[in-house]
Amino acid sequence: MNPQCKLEKLHLYECSITEEQSLFLTSALKSNPSHLRHLYLSCNKLGDSGVKHLCDVLKDSHCKLERLRLKDCGITDVSALTQSLTNSNALQFLKELDLRDNKIRDSKQLRDVLRDSNCKGEID
């Protein structure tokens, strides 16, 4: 949360972060989002509400996140993520979004948003 923090990469792979703990993480990231470029949260238990909390970071106009990895995080619904990407500048910067090994029920809307944004990456 310190404004002097210039952290660009945060790897929290397999750190047992839960939906509730993601709220605290989001609060810290929102206080100083402009330097962070890579956020790796794979193999945590974020679930859908944890991802909704993280979407608040993406909505911040200072957010310049380039890589977001949410592999195997118990995500089933990407509607909040889709809305955040649609209603923010996040797609200007985001180069990598990893949602592998989640049980997402309907990813069509997210796929459409990424295609409409002229996304250069691969969409699976």
N, C-alpha and C. Protein backbone atom coordinates (compact mmCIF):
# COMPACT_ATOMS: atom_id res chain seq x y z
N MET A 1 0.81 -1.20 0.00
CA MET A 1 0.00 0.00 0.00
C MET A 1 0.85 1.27 0.00
N ASN A 2 2.12 1.11 0.28
CA ASN A 2 3.03 2.24 0.34
C ASN A 2 3.19 2.87 -1.04
N PRO A 3 2.97 4.17 -1.18
CA PRO A 3 3.09 4.83 -2.48
C PRO A 3 4.51 4.78 -3.05
N GLN A 4 5.49 4.50 -2.21
CA GLN A 4 6.87 4.38 -2.66
C GLN A 4 7.14 3.03 -3.34
N CYS A 5 6.23 2.10 -3.17
CA CYS A 5 6.40 0.75 -3.72
C CYS A 5 6.30 0.79 -5.24
N LYS A 6 7.30 0.24 -5.89
CA LYS A 6 7.37 0.22 -7.36
C LYS A 6 7.29 -1.21 -7.89
N LEU A 7 6.66 -2.09 -7.13
CA LEU A 7 6.55 -3.50 -7.48
C LEU A 7 5.88 -3.67 -8.84
N GLU A 8 6.52 -4.42 -9.73
CA GLU A 8 5.98 -4.66 -11.06
C GLU A 8 5.46 -6.08 -11.23
N LYS A 9 6.02 -7.04 -10.50
CA LYS A 9 5.60 -8.43 -10.61
C LYS A 9 5.28 -8.98 -9.24
N LEU A 10 4.12 -9.61 -9.14
CA LEU A 10 3.71 -10.24 -7.90
C LEU A 10 3.27 -11.66 -8.21
N HIS A 11 4.05 -12.62 -7.73
CA HIS A 11 3.77 -14.04 -7.94
C HIS A 11 3.29 -14.63 -6.63
N LEU A 12 2.04 -15.03 -6.59
CA LEU A 12 1.47 -15.65 -5.40
C LEU A 12 0.90 -17.02 -5.77
N TYR A 13 1.66 -17.77 -6.52
CA TYR A 13 1.27 -19.10 -6.97
C TYR A 13 1.15 -20.05 -5.78
N GLU A 14 0.01 -20.73 -5.71
CA GLU A 14 -0.21 -21.77 -4.70
C GLU A 14 0.04 -21.27 -3.28
N CYS A 15 -0.57 -20.14 -2.94
CA CYS A 15 -0.37 -19.54 -1.62
C CYS A 15 -1.60 -19.66 -0.72
N SER A 16 -2.54 -20.50 -1.10
CA SER A 16 -3.76 -20.73 -0.31
C SER A 16 -4.58 -19.45 -0.12
N ILE A 17 -4.55 -18.57 -1.11
CA ILE A 17 -5.36 -17.35 -1.04
C ILE A 17 -6.81 -17.72 -1.33
N THR A 18 -7.70 -17.31 -0.45
CA THR A 18 -9.12 -17.62 -0.56
C THR A 18 -9.88 -16.41 -1.08
N GLU A 19 -11.18 -16.60 -1.29
CA GLU A 19 -12.04 -15.49 -1.74
C GLU A 19 -11.95 -14.33 -0.75
N GLU A 20 -12.02 -14.64 0.54
CA GLU A 20 -11.99 -13.59 1.56
C GLU A 20 -10.65 -12.86 1.56
N GLN A 21 -9.56 -13.58 1.45
CA GLN A 21 -8.24 -12.96 1.46
C GLN A 21 -8.00 -12.13 0.20
N SER A 22 -8.68 -12.47 -0.87
CA SER A 22 -8.52 -11.69 -2.10
C SER A 22 -9.04 -10.27 -1.93
N LEU A 23 -9.97 -10.08 -1.01
CA LEU A 23 -10.48 -8.74 -0.71
C LEU A 23 -9.37 -7.86 -0.13
N PHE A 24 -8.57 -8.42 0.76
CA PHE A 24 -7.45 -7.68 1.35
C PHE A 24 -6.38 -7.40 0.30
N LEU A 25 -6.11 -8.39 -0.54
CA LEU A 25 -5.14 -8.23 -1.61
C LEU A 25 -5.59 -7.14 -2.57
N THR A 26 -6.85 -7.17 -2.94
CA THR A 26 -7.40 -6.16 -3.85
C THR A 26 -7.30 -4.77 -3.26
N SER A 27 -7.59 -4.64 -2.00
CA SER A 27 -7.49 -3.35 -1.33
C SER A 27 -6.07 -2.81 -1.41
N ALA A 28 -5.09 -3.66 -1.17
CA ALA A 28 -3.69 -3.24 -1.25
C ALA A 28 -3.32 -2.85 -2.68
N LEU A 29 -3.75 -3.65 -3.65
CA LEU A 29 -3.41 -3.37 -5.05
C LEU A 29 -4.08 -2.10 -5.56
N LYS A 30 -5.30 -1.85 -5.11
CA LYS A 30 -6.02 -0.64 -5.55
C LYS A 30 -5.37 0.63 -5.02
N SER A 31 -4.69 0.54 -3.90
CA SER A 31 -4.07 1.74 -3.32
C SER A 31 -2.86 2.20 -4.11
N ASN A 32 -2.29 1.31 -4.94
CA ASN A 32 -1.10 1.68 -5.69
C ASN A 32 -0.96 0.78 -6.92
N PRO A 33 -1.89 0.88 -7.88
CA PRO A 33 -1.91 -0.07 -9.00
C PRO A 33 -1.04 0.30 -10.20
N SER A 34 -0.47 1.47 -10.24
CA SER A 34 0.13 1.96 -11.49
C SER A 34 1.42 1.26 -11.91
N HIS A 35 2.13 0.62 -11.00
CA HIS A 35 3.40 -0.01 -11.36
C HIS A 35 3.26 -1.50 -11.66
N LEU A 36 2.25 -2.14 -11.10
CA LEU A 36 2.10 -3.58 -11.23
C LEU A 36 1.79 -3.97 -12.68
N ARG A 37 2.61 -4.86 -13.24
CA ARG A 37 2.42 -5.32 -14.63
C ARG A 37 2.04 -6.79 -14.71
N HIS A 38 2.54 -7.59 -13.75
CA HIS A 38 2.30 -9.03 -13.77
C HIS A 38 1.70 -9.44 -12.43
N LEU A 39 0.56 -10.10 -12.48
CA LEU A 39 -0.08 -10.62 -11.27
C LEU A 39 -0.40 -12.08 -11.50
N TYR A 40 0.28 -12.95 -10.79
CA TYR A 40 0.12 -14.39 -10.95
C TYR A 40 -0.51 -14.95 -9.68
N LEU A 41 -1.74 -15.41 -9.81
CA LEU A 41 -2.49 -15.94 -8.67
C LEU A 41 -2.94 -17.38 -8.89
N SER A 42 -2.34 -18.05 -9.83
CA SER A 42 -2.75 -19.42 -10.16
C SER A 42 -2.68 -20.35 -8.96
N CYS A 43 -3.56 -21.35 -8.99
CA CYS A 43 -3.62 -22.42 -7.97
C CYS A 43 -3.92 -21.88 -6.58
N ASN A 44 -4.82 -20.91 -6.51
CA ASN A 44 -5.37 -20.42 -5.25
C ASN A 44 -6.87 -20.67 -5.27
N LYS A 45 -7.53 -20.45 -4.17
CA LYS A 45 -8.97 -20.73 -4.07
C LYS A 45 -9.78 -19.44 -4.11
N LEU A 46 -9.57 -18.67 -5.16
CA LEU A 46 -10.23 -17.37 -5.29
C LEU A 46 -11.72 -17.50 -5.52
N GLY A 47 -12.11 -18.41 -6.38
CA GLY A 47 -13.52 -18.56 -6.72
C GLY A 47 -14.04 -17.33 -7.43
N ASP A 48 -15.31 -17.34 -7.73
CA ASP A 48 -15.93 -16.25 -8.48
C ASP A 48 -15.92 -14.93 -7.72
N SER A 49 -16.20 -14.96 -6.42
CA SER A 49 -16.23 -13.69 -5.68
C SER A 49 -14.83 -13.11 -5.52
N GLY A 50 -13.82 -13.96 -5.42
CA GLY A 50 -12.44 -13.47 -5.36
C GLY A 50 -12.05 -12.75 -6.64
N VAL A 51 -12.48 -13.30 -7.77
CA VAL A 51 -12.21 -12.67 -9.06
C VAL A 51 -12.98 -11.35 -9.17
N LYS A 52 -14.19 -11.32 -8.64
CA LYS A 52 -14.97 -10.05 -8.64
C LYS A 52 -14.21 -8.97 -7.88
N HIS A 53 -13.60 -9.33 -6.77
CA HIS A 53 -12.80 -8.36 -6.01
C HIS A 53 -11.64 -7.85 -6.86
N LEU A 54 -10.95 -8.76 -7.52
CA LEU A 54 -9.81 -8.39 -8.35
C LEU A 54 -10.21 -7.50 -9.53
N CYS A 55 -11.44 -7.64 -9.97
CA CYS A 55 -11.93 -6.82 -11.09
C CYS A 55 -11.91 -5.34 -10.73
N ASP A 56 -12.00 -5.03 -9.43
CA ASP A 56 -11.92 -3.63 -9.01
C ASP A 56 -10.56 -3.03 -9.36
N VAL A 57 -9.53 -3.85 -9.34
CA VAL A 57 -8.20 -3.38 -9.73
C VAL A 57 -8.18 -3.08 -11.22
N LEU A 58 -8.75 -3.98 -12.02
CA LEU A 58 -8.77 -3.79 -13.47
C LEU A 58 -9.56 -2.53 -13.87
N LYS A 59 -10.57 -2.20 -13.10
CA LYS A 59 -11.40 -1.03 -13.41
C LYS A 59 -10.69 0.29 -13.12
N ASP A 60 -9.66 0.24 -12.29
CA ASP A 60 -8.94 1.45 -11.91
C ASP A 60 -8.24 2.05 -13.13
N SER A 61 -8.41 3.32 -13.34
CA SER A 61 -7.83 3.98 -14.52
C SER A 61 -6.30 3.98 -14.52
N HIS A 62 -5.69 3.76 -13.36
CA HIS A 62 -4.23 3.73 -13.27
C HIS A 62 -3.66 2.33 -13.50
N CYS A 63 -4.52 1.34 -13.58
CA CYS A 63 -4.07 -0.04 -13.75
C CYS A 63 -3.48 -0.25 -15.13
N LYS A 64 -2.28 -0.82 -15.16
CA LYS A 64 -1.60 -1.10 -16.42
C LYS A 64 -1.13 -2.56 -16.44
N LEU A 65 -1.97 -3.42 -15.88
CA LEU A 65 -1.65 -4.83 -15.78
C LEU A 65 -1.52 -5.45 -17.17
N GLU A 66 -0.42 -6.13 -17.42
CA GLU A 66 -0.15 -6.76 -18.71
C GLU A 66 -0.39 -8.26 -18.68
N ARG A 67 -0.15 -8.89 -17.54
CA ARG A 67 -0.31 -10.33 -17.43
C ARG A 67 -1.09 -10.67 -16.17
N LEU A 68 -2.15 -11.43 -16.34
CA LEU A 68 -2.97 -11.88 -15.22
C LEU A 68 -3.17 -13.38 -15.36
N ARG A 69 -2.64 -14.11 -14.41
CA ARG A 69 -2.76 -15.57 -14.44
C ARG A 69 -3.66 -16.04 -13.31
N LEU A 70 -4.75 -16.68 -13.71
CA LEU A 70 -5.74 -17.19 -12.77
C LEU A 70 -6.02 -18.66 -13.05
N LYS A 71 -4.99 -19.38 -13.40
CA LYS A 71 -5.12 -20.81 -13.70
C LYS A 71 -5.53 -21.57 -12.44
N ASP A 72 -6.53 -22.45 -12.57
CA ASP A 72 -6.95 -23.35 -11.49
C ASP A 72 -7.27 -22.58 -10.20
N CYS A 73 -8.20 -21.63 -10.32
CA CYS A 73 -8.59 -20.80 -9.17
C CYS A 73 -10.05 -21.01 -8.76
N GLY A 74 -10.68 -22.05 -9.29
CA GLY A 74 -12.07 -22.33 -8.91
C GLY A 74 -13.06 -21.36 -9.51
N ILE A 75 -12.75 -20.84 -10.68
CA ILE A 75 -13.62 -19.86 -11.35
C ILE A 75 -14.64 -20.59 -12.22
N THR A 76 -15.90 -20.23 -12.08
CA THR A 76 -16.96 -20.80 -12.93
C THR A 76 -17.67 -19.72 -13.73
N ASP A 77 -17.59 -18.48 -13.27
CA ASP A 77 -18.32 -17.38 -13.90
C ASP A 77 -17.35 -16.23 -14.21
N VAL A 78 -17.26 -15.85 -15.48
CA VAL A 78 -16.35 -14.77 -15.88
C VAL A 78 -17.11 -13.49 -16.24
N SER A 79 -18.37 -13.39 -15.84
CA SER A 79 -19.15 -12.20 -16.21
C SER A 79 -18.58 -10.93 -15.60
N ALA A 80 -18.12 -10.97 -14.36
CA ALA A 80 -17.52 -9.78 -13.73
C ALA A 80 -16.23 -9.40 -14.44
N LEU A 81 -15.44 -10.39 -14.79
CA LEU A 81 -14.20 -10.14 -15.51
C LEU A 81 -14.49 -9.54 -16.88
N THR A 82 -15.46 -10.10 -17.57
CA THR A 82 -15.85 -9.59 -18.88
C THR A 82 -16.31 -8.15 -18.78
N GLN A 83 -17.12 -7.84 -17.79
CA GLN A 83 -17.62 -6.48 -17.60
C GLN A 83 -16.48 -5.51 -17.29
N SER A 84 -15.54 -5.94 -16.47
CA SER A 84 -14.39 -5.08 -16.13
C SER A 84 -13.55 -4.77 -17.35
N LEU A 85 -13.34 -5.77 -18.18
CA LEU A 85 -12.54 -5.57 -19.38
C LEU A 85 -13.26 -4.68 -20.39
N THR A 86 -14.58 -4.78 -20.41
CA THR A 86 -15.38 -3.97 -21.34
C THR A 86 -15.46 -2.52 -20.90
N ASN A 87 -15.58 -2.30 -19.60
CA ASN A 87 -15.82 -0.95 -19.06
C ASN A 87 -14.58 -0.29 -18.47
N SER A 88 -13.42 -0.63 -18.99
CA SER A 88 -12.19 -0.02 -18.47
C SER A 88 -11.16 0.07 -19.59
N ASN A 89 -10.00 0.60 -19.24
CA ASN A 89 -8.90 0.68 -20.19
C ASN A 89 -8.00 -0.56 -20.12
N ALA A 90 -8.42 -1.57 -19.38
CA ALA A 90 -7.57 -2.73 -19.13
C ALA A 90 -7.10 -3.41 -20.40
N LEU A 91 -7.95 -3.47 -21.41
CA LEU A 91 -7.57 -4.17 -22.65
C LEU A 91 -6.47 -3.44 -23.43
N GLN A 92 -6.25 -2.18 -23.12
CA GLN A 92 -5.15 -1.46 -23.75
C GLN A 92 -3.81 -2.05 -23.34
N PHE A 93 -3.74 -2.60 -22.15
CA PHE A 93 -2.48 -3.06 -21.59
C PHE A 93 -2.39 -4.58 -21.49
N LEU A 94 -3.51 -5.25 -21.24
CA LEU A 94 -3.50 -6.68 -20.98
C LEU A 94 -3.03 -7.47 -22.20
N LYS A 95 -1.95 -8.24 -22.00
CA LYS A 95 -1.37 -9.04 -23.08
C LYS A 95 -1.56 -10.53 -22.83
N GLU A 96 -1.77 -10.90 -21.58
CA GLU A 96 -1.92 -12.31 -21.24
C GLU A 96 -2.97 -12.47 -20.16
N LEU A 97 -3.92 -13.34 -20.42
CA LEU A 97 -4.96 -13.69 -19.46
C LEU A 97 -5.05 -15.21 -19.44
N ASP A 98 -4.66 -15.81 -18.34
CA ASP A 98 -4.63 -17.27 -18.23
C ASP A 98 -5.76 -17.72 -17.32
N LEU A 99 -6.73 -18.42 -17.89
CA LEU A 99 -7.87 -18.94 -17.14
C LEU A 99 -7.95 -20.46 -17.24
N ARG A 100 -6.87 -21.10 -17.60
CA ARG A 100 -6.88 -22.55 -17.76
C ARG A 100 -7.25 -23.27 -16.46
N ASP A 101 -7.79 -24.46 -16.64
CA ASP A 101 -8.11 -25.37 -15.54
C ASP A 101 -9.13 -24.80 -14.56
N ASN A 102 -10.01 -23.96 -15.06
CA ASN A 102 -11.18 -23.51 -14.31
C ASN A 102 -12.39 -24.16 -14.97
N LYS A 103 -13.51 -24.18 -14.29
CA LYS A 103 -14.72 -24.79 -14.85
C LYS A 103 -15.71 -23.69 -15.23
N ILE A 104 -15.30 -22.90 -16.20
CA ILE A 104 -16.09 -21.76 -16.63
C ILE A 104 -17.27 -22.26 -17.44
N ARG A 105 -18.46 -21.86 -17.01
CA ARG A 105 -19.69 -22.33 -17.65
C ARG A 105 -19.91 -21.71 -19.01
N ASP A 106 -19.76 -20.40 -19.12
CA ASP A 106 -20.05 -19.73 -20.38
C ASP A 106 -18.99 -18.66 -20.63
N SER A 107 -18.11 -18.95 -21.57
CA SER A 107 -17.02 -18.01 -21.85
C SER A 107 -17.25 -17.25 -23.15
N LYS A 108 -18.43 -17.42 -23.77
CA LYS A 108 -18.69 -16.78 -25.06
C LYS A 108 -18.56 -15.26 -24.97
N GLN A 109 -19.13 -14.67 -23.94
CA GLN A 109 -19.09 -13.21 -23.81
C GLN A 109 -17.65 -12.71 -23.66
N LEU A 110 -16.84 -13.40 -22.88
CA LEU A 110 -15.44 -13.02 -22.72
C LEU A 110 -14.70 -13.17 -24.04
N ARG A 111 -14.96 -14.25 -24.72
CA ARG A 111 -14.34 -14.49 -26.03
C ARG A 111 -14.68 -13.37 -27.00
N ASP A 112 -15.94 -12.97 -27.01
CA ASP A 112 -16.38 -11.89 -27.90
C ASP A 112 -15.69 -10.57 -27.58
N VAL A 113 -15.55 -10.26 -26.29
CA VAL A 113 -14.89 -9.02 -25.87
C VAL A 113 -13.44 -9.03 -26.33
N LEU A 114 -12.76 -10.15 -26.16
CA LEU A 114 -11.37 -10.24 -26.56
C LEU A 114 -11.21 -10.16 -28.07
N ARG A 115 -12.12 -10.76 -28.79
CA ARG A 115 -12.05 -10.68 -30.25
C ARG A 115 -12.35 -9.26 -30.74
N ASP A 116 -13.35 -8.62 -30.13
CA ASP A 116 -13.72 -7.26 -30.53
C ASP A 116 -12.62 -6.25 -30.23
N SER A 117 -11.76 -6.57 -29.27
CA SER A 117 -10.71 -5.63 -28.89
C SER A 117 -9.46 -5.80 -29.77
N ASN A 118 -9.57 -6.62 -30.82
CA ASN A 118 -8.43 -6.93 -31.68
C ASN A 118 -7.30 -7.58 -30.87
N CYS A 119 -7.69 -8.41 -29.96
CA CYS A 119 -6.73 -9.12 -29.11
C CYS A 119 -5.75 -9.88 -30.00
N LYS A 120 -4.46 -9.73 -29.71
CA LYS A 120 -3.43 -10.36 -30.52
C LYS A 120 -3.08 -11.77 -30.05
N GLY A 121 -3.45 -12.09 -28.81
CA GLY A 121 -3.10 -13.39 -28.26
C GLY A 121 -4.03 -14.49 -28.72
N GLU A 122 -3.73 -15.68 -28.27
CA GLU A 122 -4.53 -16.84 -28.61
C GLU A 122 -5.71 -16.95 -27.66
N ILE A 123 -6.86 -17.27 -28.20
CA ILE A 123 -8.06 -17.42 -27.40
C ILE A 123 -8.48 -18.86 -27.45
N ASP A 124 -8.48 -19.54 -26.29
CA ASP A 124 -8.92 -20.94 -26.21
C ASP A 124 -10.17 -21.02 -25.38
